[in-house]
Amino acid sequence: MRGARRRLCSALLLAYGLFSLYAAYTVFLRPRRPAAPRPPHRDRRGPRDNDHVSLGNEEWNPWEADEKNEQIASQQRYENNVKMIKNARSHLEQTSLRVQIWGKAAIGLYLWQHIFEGHLEPADVTAPWREGSQKAGKTYFSFITGPSVVPGYFSVEAENVVLVLNGREKAKIAYATQWLHYAQTLIQTHKIQRVAVVLLGNEQCNNEWIQPYLKRHGGFVNLLFVTYDYALVNEEDIFQWPLGVATYRNFPVVEPSWSMLHDPRSYLCNFLGTVYKNSSRETLMEILKQDGLDKLCWIAAREQWQPQETNESFKNYQDALLQSDLTLSPVGINTECYRIYEACSYGSLPVIEDVMTPGDCGNSSMYHSAPLQLLKTMGAPFIFIKNWKELPAILEKEKKMSLQEKIQRRKKLIEWYQNFKAWMRQKFINTLENSFLPSDKG
């Protein structure tokens, strides 16, 4: 009995093993036969051209319908995205701005290299033609400069132009008007549509010559950005522009370094400049000589202004800014001068003689923040004094300051100057776009 049961169990196990092997062969190893062809589908319209296509070679896929639906949905999403991109590009092409800047005064380099942080090719400052470009906001800017940029002898590549001019003296004004007449001709012949001017104004704010060219006076210039405290600045079509650094002397874009911020400096103050007869600069020199204050500062006075620097004198000037905690800025023909911005570049705090100079610039009775209205509005962290007799007390306080306090002040000054340039850049772009782009209203 036991033997019979044993044989029966063995037979069952053998049968189970054979069945398992056959099942595995069927699933994994056996060649598949083509399915029997399905009869062609017929409808009331008769046979279609693709009815002869055999479906017998296709594997049956239980998820086929879902996959086809997903493919259709994916294709639809792709087409919708393409449409959205095309619409966005079309909208951008309709609303974006192309502006070409013609740099025909050195102040244009301050605009492009210092405020816009743009590059120029070639890098050689003596090259007859230099150019650069960048996208900012909704606007594509291109910049050209150099002696080879002459009216009628270069390609006008935008409908909107910013013309950078020097209007400081008669000879410069005569040259500037040639460019304005050229721009006016391009407007009249529909080669360009809109013009803005960045003007290095007269130090006494005698800028009446530019007024007939402004649209408000029947001219064609939409916007004017002008240096110094010009009394007609209205923040509508006339805007104050910073004088900046002396790019005509190739003053560089200065990148702050660790040592610039943290190293102790050898001098309390510096003044390298021209001392005019019967000016407050003579008073400054006398005060510095009292009690040996001139020995604490880097002083290099000259009797006559020099437009060009030698390599040695320029290096001395940069070293003085870098090695001094304070930079003294007495008034010249105007209160605003390149020295203010150059000192900021090196973290040397400007000490500014805060008085109005003779001329037609905005007077303090009408403009409470004049002079230097732009800098004061932007919260410049400078030391403003009314008389150089205040200087000894300032230097005495300077002696007692710790290095850590001076480091914090340098950081604050350099950060303010970087923010100031960024703010001027954004204001310039916004002003152009608000004036030049078509309005979305009504």
Protein backbone atom coordinates (compact mmCIF):
# COMPACT_ATOMS: atom_id res chain seq x y z
CA MET A 1 0.00 0.00 0.00
CA ARG A 2 2.71 2.38 0.97
CA GLY A 3 4.63 1.49 -2.19
CA ALA A 4 1.62 2.23 -4.39
CA ARG A 5 1.16 5.66 -2.77
CA ARG A 6 4.82 6.38 -3.19
CA ARG A 7 4.67 5.53 -6.92
CA LEU A 8 1.54 7.64 -7.36
CA CYS A 9 3.17 10.67 -5.72
CA SER A 10 6.29 10.24 -7.87
CA ALA A 11 4.17 10.09 -11.04
CA LEU A 12 2.32 13.24 -10.06
CA LEU A 13 5.57 15.12 -9.33
CA LEU A 14 7.02 13.99 -12.69
CA ALA A 15 3.88 15.13 -14.53
CA TYR A 16 4.02 18.53 -12.74
CA GLY A 17 7.71 18.94 -13.70
CA LEU A 18 7.04 18.12 -17.36
CA PHE A 19 4.11 20.54 -17.46
CA SER A 20 6.29 23.31 -15.98
CA LEU A 21 9.00 22.74 -18.58
CA TYR A 22 6.46 22.84 -21.40
CA ALA A 23 4.92 26.03 -20.08
CA ALA A 24 8.33 27.68 -19.86
CA TYR A 25 9.15 26.60 -23.41
CA THR A 26 5.87 27.96 -24.70
CA VAL A 27 6.28 31.35 -23.06
CA PHE A 28 9.97 32.03 -23.62
CA LEU A 29 11.39 29.82 -26.41
CA ARG A 30 8.70 28.76 -28.84
CA PRO A 31 8.57 30.68 -32.15
CA ARG A 32 5.40 32.70 -32.53
CA ARG A 33 3.06 32.07 -35.38
CA PRO A 34 1.59 34.98 -37.24
CA ALA A 35 -1.95 35.61 -36.28
CA ALA A 36 -4.60 34.84 -38.82
CA PRO A 37 -5.33 37.86 -40.98
CA ARG A 38 -8.38 39.79 -39.97
CA PRO A 39 -11.01 40.37 -42.58
CA PRO A 40 -10.82 43.86 -44.00
CA HIS A 41 -13.16 46.35 -42.39
CA ARG A 42 -15.85 47.48 -44.74
CA ASP A 43 -18.01 50.48 -44.34
CA ARG A 44 -20.67 52.14 -46.41
CA ARG A 45 -18.15 54.25 -48.25
CA GLY A 46 -16.47 51.20 -49.70
CA PRO A 47 -12.90 49.94 -49.32
CA ARG A 48 -10.19 52.43 -48.22
CA ASP A 49 -6.67 52.55 -49.61
CA ASN A 50 -5.15 51.44 -46.33
CA ASP A 51 -7.48 48.48 -45.83
CA HIS A 52 -4.92 46.16 -47.44
CA VAL A 53 -2.39 46.78 -44.71
CA SER A 54 -2.03 43.58 -42.69
CA LEU A 55 -2.24 43.83 -38.94
CA GLY A 56 -1.05 40.29 -38.49
CA ASN A 57 2.58 41.30 -37.94
CA GLU A 58 1.68 43.59 -35.04
CA GLU A 59 1.87 42.21 -31.50
CA TRP A 60 -1.30 42.60 -29.52
CA ASN A 61 -0.92 45.36 -26.92
CA PRO A 62 -3.58 45.59 -24.23
CA TRP A 63 -2.49 49.23 -23.51
CA GLU A 64 -2.48 50.26 -27.19
CA ALA A 65 -5.46 52.56 -26.89
CA ASP A 66 -4.06 54.34 -23.83
CA GLU A 67 -0.67 54.80 -25.51
CA LYS A 68 -2.27 56.26 -28.62
CA ASN A 69 -4.29 58.67 -26.50
CA GLU A 70 -1.13 59.71 -24.64
CA GLN A 71 0.71 60.22 -27.94
CA ILE A 72 -2.12 62.41 -29.20
CA ALA A 73 -2.12 64.39 -25.95
CA SER A 74 1.68 64.78 -26.04
CA GLN A 75 1.55 65.97 -29.64
CA GLN A 76 -1.14 68.46 -28.68
CA ARG A 77 0.92 69.74 -25.74
CA TYR A 78 3.95 70.12 -28.02
CA GLU A 79 1.95 72.05 -30.61
CA ASN A 80 0.49 74.28 -27.92
CA ASN A 81 3.99 75.00 -26.56
CA VAL A 82 5.25 75.84 -30.05
CA LYS A 83 2.34 78.24 -30.51
CA MET A 84 3.05 79.83 -27.12
CA ILE A 85 6.75 80.31 -27.97
CA LYS A 86 5.85 81.78 -31.38
CA ASN A 87 3.37 84.15 -29.74
CA ALA A 88 5.95 85.18 -27.13
CA ARG A 89 8.55 85.81 -29.82
CA SER A 90 6.06 87.74 -31.88
CA HIS A 91 5.11 89.84 -28.84
CA LEU A 92 8.79 90.44 -28.05
CA GLU A 93 9.49 91.50 -31.61
CA GLN A 94 6.59 93.94 -31.43
CA THR A 95 7.49 95.51 -28.10
CA SER A 96 11.29 95.24 -27.83
CA LEU A 97 13.58 98.15 -28.59
CA ARG A 98 16.80 98.43 -30.53
CA VAL A 99 18.94 101.40 -29.56
CA GLN A 100 22.26 102.43 -31.09
CA ILE A 101 24.46 104.68 -28.96
CA TRP A 102 26.86 107.00 -30.79
CA GLY A 103 29.63 107.86 -28.35
CA LYS A 104 31.03 111.18 -29.56
CA ALA A 105 32.17 112.43 -26.14
CA ALA A 106 34.32 110.72 -23.51
CA ILE A 107 31.38 110.69 -21.10
CA GLY A 108 29.93 107.98 -23.34
CA LEU A 109 32.58 105.58 -22.03
CA TYR A 110 31.37 106.24 -18.48
CA LEU A 111 27.85 105.37 -19.64
CA TRP A 112 28.88 102.18 -21.43
CA GLN A 113 31.81 100.77 -19.43
CA HIS A 114 31.10 102.01 -15.90
CA ILE A 115 27.30 102.22 -15.69
CA PHE A 116 26.33 99.52 -18.20
CA GLU A 117 29.45 97.44 -17.43
CA GLY A 118 29.71 96.83 -21.18
CA HIS A 119 32.78 95.70 -23.09
CA LEU A 120 34.32 97.21 -26.21
CA GLU A 121 36.20 95.57 -29.06
CA PRO A 122 39.01 96.10 -29.68
CA ALA A 123 40.21 96.78 -26.13
CA ASP A 124 42.84 99.25 -27.41
CA VAL A 125 41.69 102.72 -26.34
CA THR A 126 43.48 104.29 -29.33
CA ALA A 127 41.60 102.20 -31.91
CA PRO A 128 39.75 104.31 -34.52
CA TRP A 129 36.58 102.22 -34.18
CA ARG A 130 35.30 100.40 -31.08
CA GLU A 131 31.97 98.72 -30.54
CA GLY A 132 29.99 96.62 -28.10
CA SER A 133 26.45 95.37 -27.50
CA GLN A 134 24.22 93.96 -24.78
CA LYS A 135 20.59 93.18 -23.98
CA ALA A 136 19.10 95.06 -21.04
CA GLY A 137 15.46 95.12 -20.04
CA LYS A 138 13.37 95.03 -23.22
CA THR A 139 16.13 96.75 -25.17
CA TYR A 140 19.04 95.61 -27.31
CA PHE A 141 21.81 98.21 -27.06
CA SER A 142 24.73 98.61 -29.43
CA PHE A 143 27.50 101.14 -28.80
CA ILE A 144 30.00 102.62 -31.26
CA THR A 145 32.76 105.13 -30.62
CA GLY A 146 36.08 106.34 -31.97
CA PRO A 147 37.35 108.90 -34.51
CA SER A 148 36.15 106.74 -37.42
CA VAL A 149 32.54 107.23 -36.33
CA VAL A 150 31.79 110.13 -38.70
CA PRO A 151 28.37 111.35 -39.93
CA GLY A 152 27.37 109.46 -43.08
CA TYR A 153 30.27 106.98 -42.92
CA PHE A 154 28.90 104.25 -40.69
CA SER A 155 25.90 101.93 -40.67
CA VAL A 156 22.81 103.15 -38.80
CA GLU A 157 21.53 99.90 -37.31
CA ALA A 158 18.55 100.98 -35.20
CA GLU A 159 15.53 103.23 -35.43
CA ASN A 160 16.34 104.70 -32.03
CA VAL A 161 19.58 106.58 -31.33
CA VAL A 162 21.28 107.92 -28.21
CA LEU A 163 23.76 110.62 -29.16
CA VAL A 164 26.52 111.32 -26.59
CA LEU A 165 27.88 114.87 -27.05
CA ASN A 166 30.22 117.38 -25.44
CA GLY A 167 28.76 120.85 -24.96
CA ARG A 168 31.28 122.25 -22.52
CA GLU A 169 32.72 125.02 -24.74
CA LYS A 170 32.10 126.75 -28.09
CA ALA A 171 34.32 124.50 -30.21
CA LYS A 172 32.69 121.40 -28.73
CA ILE A 173 29.21 122.84 -29.25
CA ALA A 174 29.95 123.50 -32.94
CA TYR A 175 30.98 119.85 -33.36
CA ALA A 176 27.93 118.66 -31.40
CA THR A 177 25.52 120.61 -33.60
CA GLN A 178 26.93 118.88 -36.70
CA TRP A 179 25.87 115.57 -35.18
CA LEU A 180 22.46 116.93 -34.25
CA HIS A 181 21.88 118.14 -37.81
CA TYR A 182 22.91 114.72 -39.11
CA ALA A 183 20.45 113.04 -36.74
CA GLN A 184 17.75 115.49 -37.80
CA THR A 185 18.32 114.57 -41.46
CA LEU A 186 17.95 110.88 -40.60
CA ILE A 187 14.68 111.66 -38.82
CA GLN A 188 13.38 113.60 -41.82
CA THR A 189 14.31 110.80 -44.23
CA HIS A 190 12.74 108.18 -41.91
CA LYS A 191 16.06 106.37 -41.36
CA ILE A 192 15.58 106.72 -37.61
CA GLN A 193 12.52 107.53 -35.52
CA ARG A 194 13.60 108.73 -32.08
CA VAL A 195 16.64 110.47 -30.57
CA ALA A 196 17.91 110.96 -27.02
CA VAL A 197 20.99 113.00 -26.09
CA VAL A 198 23.46 112.47 -23.24
CA LEU A 199 25.23 115.81 -22.87
CA LEU A 200 28.40 116.78 -21.05
CA GLY A 201 27.02 120.17 -20.16
CA ASN A 202 28.73 123.45 -19.53
CA GLU A 203 30.19 123.78 -16.01
CA GLN A 204 28.21 126.99 -15.50
CA CYS A 205 25.09 125.34 -16.98
CA ASN A 206 25.00 127.58 -20.05
CA ASN A 207 23.17 125.01 -22.18
CA GLU A 208 20.64 127.21 -23.96
CA TRP A 209 21.98 126.16 -27.37
CA ILE A 210 20.49 122.66 -26.98
CA GLN A 211 16.95 123.84 -26.19
CA PRO A 212 15.74 124.46 -29.80
CA TYR A 213 16.53 120.82 -30.60
CA LEU A 214 14.22 119.50 -27.87
CA LYS A 215 10.73 118.33 -28.87
CA ARG A 216 9.10 120.60 -26.30
CA HIS A 217 10.56 123.53 -28.27
CA GLY A 218 9.62 122.20 -31.71
CA GLY A 219 12.75 120.10 -32.26
CA PHE A 220 13.26 116.35 -32.64
CA VAL A 221 15.17 115.29 -29.48
CA ASN A 222 12.84 113.26 -27.27
CA LEU A 223 15.03 113.05 -24.16
CA LEU A 224 17.99 114.94 -22.70
CA PHE A 225 20.33 113.61 -20.01
CA VAL A 226 22.65 116.44 -18.90
CA THR A 227 25.43 116.80 -16.34
CA TYR A 228 25.60 119.29 -13.45
CA ASP A 229 22.65 120.89 -11.63
CA TYR A 230 20.97 122.21 -14.78
CA ALA A 231 18.04 124.39 -13.70
CA LEU A 232 15.70 122.99 -16.40
CA VAL A 233 15.89 119.38 -15.18
CA ASN A 234 12.24 118.31 -14.84
CA GLU A 235 12.34 114.48 -14.67
CA GLU A 236 9.97 114.41 -17.68
CA ASP A 237 12.16 114.89 -20.73
CA ILE A 238 15.24 116.49 -19.12
CA PHE A 239 17.18 114.45 -16.56
CA GLN A 240 20.34 115.07 -14.54
CA TRP A 241 23.20 112.75 -15.44
CA PRO A 242 26.33 112.04 -13.33
CA LEU A 243 29.65 113.52 -14.45
CA GLY A 244 31.42 110.26 -13.63
CA VAL A 245 35.15 109.59 -13.85
CA ALA A 246 37.62 111.16 -16.26
CA THR A 247 37.37 108.60 -19.06
CA TYR A 248 39.17 111.05 -21.35
CA ARG A 249 42.20 110.32 -19.14
CA ASN A 250 41.44 106.59 -19.37
CA PHE A 251 40.42 106.25 -15.73
CA PRO A 252 39.67 102.52 -15.42
CA VAL A 253 36.76 100.48 -14.12
CA VAL A 254 38.07 99.60 -10.64
CA GLU A 255 37.18 96.21 -9.16
CA PRO A 256 37.25 96.24 -5.31
CA SER A 257 39.86 93.93 -3.81
CA TRP A 258 40.34 92.50 -0.33
CA SER A 259 43.37 94.71 0.31
CA MET A 260 41.52 97.82 -0.87
CA LEU A 261 38.86 97.19 1.75
CA HIS A 262 40.93 95.85 4.65
CA ASP A 263 44.49 97.21 4.54
CA PRO A 264 45.42 100.23 6.69
CA ARG A 265 46.09 103.33 4.59
CA SER A 266 49.16 105.52 4.93
CA TYR A 267 47.44 108.91 4.70
CA LEU A 268 44.45 110.53 6.36
CA CYS A 269 43.58 112.49 3.22
CA ASN A 270 44.72 113.53 -0.25
CA PHE A 271 44.44 116.43 -2.64
CA LEU A 272 46.10 116.36 -6.04
CA GLY A 273 44.90 119.19 -8.23
CA THR A 274 45.10 122.74 -9.46
CA VAL A 275 45.05 125.64 -6.98
CA TYR A 276 43.40 128.65 -8.60
CA LYS A 277 44.21 132.19 -7.48
CA ASN A 278 41.78 133.70 -4.97
CA SER A 279 39.85 130.47 -4.65
CA SER A 280 38.82 128.34 -1.67
CA ARG A 281 41.59 125.96 -2.74
CA GLU A 282 44.13 128.51 -1.54
CA THR A 283 42.30 128.56 1.79
CA LEU A 284 42.47 124.78 1.90
CA MET A 285 46.23 124.80 1.33
CA GLU A 286 46.74 127.32 4.13
CA ILE A 287 44.67 125.27 6.59
CA LEU A 288 46.53 122.08 5.71
CA LYS A 289 49.85 123.76 6.44
CA GLN A 290 48.67 124.75 9.91
CA ASP A 291 49.73 122.38 12.67
CA GLY A 292 51.47 120.17 10.11
CA LEU A 293 48.25 118.66 8.75
CA ASP A 294 49.81 118.54 5.29
CA LYS A 295 52.26 115.92 6.62
CA LEU A 296 49.34 113.60 7.38
CA CYS A 297 47.96 113.87 3.85
CA TRP A 298 49.16 113.26 0.28
CA ILE A 299 49.21 116.78 -1.18
CA ALA A 300 50.37 117.63 -4.71
CA ALA A 301 49.16 121.06 -5.78
CA ARG A 302 49.83 122.71 -9.14
CA GLU A 303 49.11 126.20 -10.39
CA GLN A 304 47.83 125.30 -13.87
CA TRP A 305 45.29 122.69 -14.97
CA GLN A 306 46.69 119.88 -17.11
CA PRO A 307 44.22 118.08 -19.39
CA GLN A 308 46.58 115.16 -20.01
CA GLU A 309 48.30 112.94 -17.49
CA THR A 310 51.70 111.34 -17.79
CA ASN A 311 51.90 107.68 -16.84
CA GLU A 312 53.73 108.69 -13.67
CA SER A 313 51.30 111.40 -12.60
CA PHE A 314 48.30 109.16 -13.27
CA LYS A 315 49.81 106.33 -11.21
CA ASN A 316 50.54 108.76 -8.38
CA TYR A 317 46.95 109.93 -8.44
CA GLN A 318 45.57 106.38 -8.27
CA ASP A 319 48.00 105.51 -5.47
CA ALA A 320 46.92 108.60 -3.54
CA LEU A 321 43.26 107.51 -3.75
CA LEU A 322 44.14 103.98 -2.72
CA GLN A 323 46.37 105.06 0.18
CA SER A 324 44.11 107.77 1.66
CA ASP A 325 41.10 107.44 3.94
CA LEU A 326 39.62 110.75 2.74
CA THR A 327 39.72 112.60 -0.59
CA LEU A 328 39.38 116.39 -0.35
CA SER A 329 37.16 117.89 -3.05
CA PRO A 330 37.18 121.69 -3.10
CA VAL A 331 34.98 123.48 -5.65
CA GLY A 332 36.40 124.37 -9.03
CA ILE A 333 34.36 125.97 -11.80
CA ASN A 334 31.58 123.64 -10.59
CA THR A 335 31.08 121.79 -7.31
CA GLU A 336 30.76 118.44 -9.10
CA CYS A 337 34.04 117.01 -10.36
CA TYR A 338 35.53 113.74 -11.57
CA ARG A 339 37.46 113.40 -8.29
CA ILE A 340 34.26 112.55 -6.38
CA TYR A 341 33.50 109.46 -8.47
CA GLU A 342 37.14 108.42 -8.73
CA ALA A 343 37.50 108.51 -4.94
CA CYS A 344 34.39 106.33 -4.61
CA SER A 345 35.98 103.79 -6.97
CA TYR A 346 38.86 103.30 -4.49
CA GLY A 347 36.87 103.53 -1.27
CA SER A 348 38.32 106.91 -0.28
CA LEU A 349 35.54 108.97 1.27
CA PRO A 350 34.98 112.34 -0.48
CA VAL A 351 35.01 115.45 1.70
CA ILE A 352 33.09 117.94 -0.44
CA GLU A 353 32.93 121.70 -0.25
CA ASP A 354 29.15 122.04 -0.42
CA VAL A 355 28.67 125.49 -1.93
CA MET A 356 27.10 126.76 -5.14
CA THR A 357 29.47 128.04 -7.81
CA PRO A 358 28.79 131.11 -10.02
CA GLY A 359 26.71 130.52 -13.15
CA ASP A 360 23.25 129.40 -14.18
CA CYS A 361 23.10 126.08 -12.36
CA GLY A 362 20.17 125.39 -10.03
CA ASN A 363 20.54 127.65 -7.01
CA SER A 364 20.03 126.60 -3.41
CA SER A 365 17.14 129.03 -2.90
CA MET A 366 15.04 127.09 -5.44
CA TYR A 367 16.56 123.63 -5.01
CA HIS A 368 17.16 122.84 -1.36
CA SER A 369 19.53 119.99 -2.19
CA ALA A 370 21.63 121.89 -4.75
CA PRO A 371 24.46 121.63 -5.50
CA LEU A 372 25.01 117.91 -6.22
CA GLN A 373 21.26 117.36 -6.18
CA LEU A 374 21.53 113.96 -7.91
CA LEU A 375 24.11 112.58 -5.47
CA LYS A 376 22.28 113.87 -2.40
CA THR A 377 18.96 112.48 -3.64
CA MET A 378 20.65 109.09 -3.89
CA GLY A 379 21.90 109.36 -0.29
CA ALA A 380 25.61 109.68 -1.02
CA PRO A 381 27.49 108.87 2.24
CA PHE A 382 29.96 111.75 1.85
CA ILE A 383 31.20 114.42 4.27
CA PHE A 384 29.74 117.79 3.20
CA ILE A 385 31.26 120.98 4.61
CA LYS A 386 30.58 124.66 3.99
CA ASN A 387 34.04 125.94 4.90
CA TRP A 388 37.49 124.32 4.95
CA LYS A 389 37.94 125.63 8.48
CA GLU A 390 35.91 122.56 9.48
CA LEU A 391 38.66 120.26 8.18
CA PRO A 392 40.99 120.17 11.25
CA ALA A 393 38.16 118.80 13.43
CA ILE A 394 37.36 116.18 10.76
CA LEU A 395 40.99 115.05 10.59
CA GLU A 396 41.22 114.94 14.38
CA LYS A 397 38.23 112.64 14.47
CA GLU A 398 39.79 110.58 11.68
CA LYS A 399 42.90 109.94 13.79
CA LYS A 400 40.77 108.35 16.52
CA MET A 401 38.90 105.96 14.24
CA SER A 402 39.83 102.28 14.44
CA LEU A 403 40.81 100.29 11.36
CA GLN A 404 37.64 98.22 11.72
CA GLU A 405 35.50 101.36 11.62
CA LYS A 406 37.31 102.53 8.50
CA ILE A 407 36.86 99.11 6.86
CA GLN A 408 33.11 99.28 7.45
CA ARG A 409 32.99 102.80 6.02
CA ARG A 410 34.88 101.73 2.89
CA LYS A 411 32.51 98.82 2.35
CA LYS A 412 29.53 101.13 2.74
CA LEU A 413 30.98 103.67 0.29
CA ILE A 414 31.87 101.14 -2.41
CA GLU A 415 28.51 99.38 -2.05
CA TRP A 416 26.70 102.70 -2.35
CA TYR A 417 28.65 103.61 -5.49
CA GLN A 418 27.88 100.25 -7.11
CA ASN A 419 24.20 100.65 -6.27
CA PHE A 420 24.26 104.23 -7.59
CA LYS A 421 25.58 103.09 -10.97
CA ALA A 422 23.06 100.24 -11.11
CA TRP A 423 20.26 102.67 -10.28
CA MET A 424 21.37 105.11 -13.00
CA ARG A 425 21.51 102.26 -15.51
CA GLN A 426 17.99 101.14 -14.69
CA LYS A 427 16.65 104.68 -14.75
CA PHE A 428 18.24 105.26 -18.16
CA ILE A 429 16.72 102.05 -19.58
CA ASN A 430 13.28 102.69 -18.07
CA THR A 431 13.24 106.26 -19.36
CA LEU A 432 14.08 105.17 -22.91
CA GLU A 433 11.55 102.34 -22.89
CA ASN A 434 8.77 104.48 -21.43
CA SER A 435 9.39 107.14 -24.07
CA PHE A 436 10.31 105.03 -27.11
CA LEU A 437 8.10 101.94 -26.83
CA PRO A 438 4.52 102.20 -28.08
CA SER A 439 2.03 102.62 -25.25
CA ASP A 440 -0.31 99.73 -24.42
CA LYS A 441 -3.02 102.15 -23.34
CA GLY A 442 -6.28 102.48 -25.24
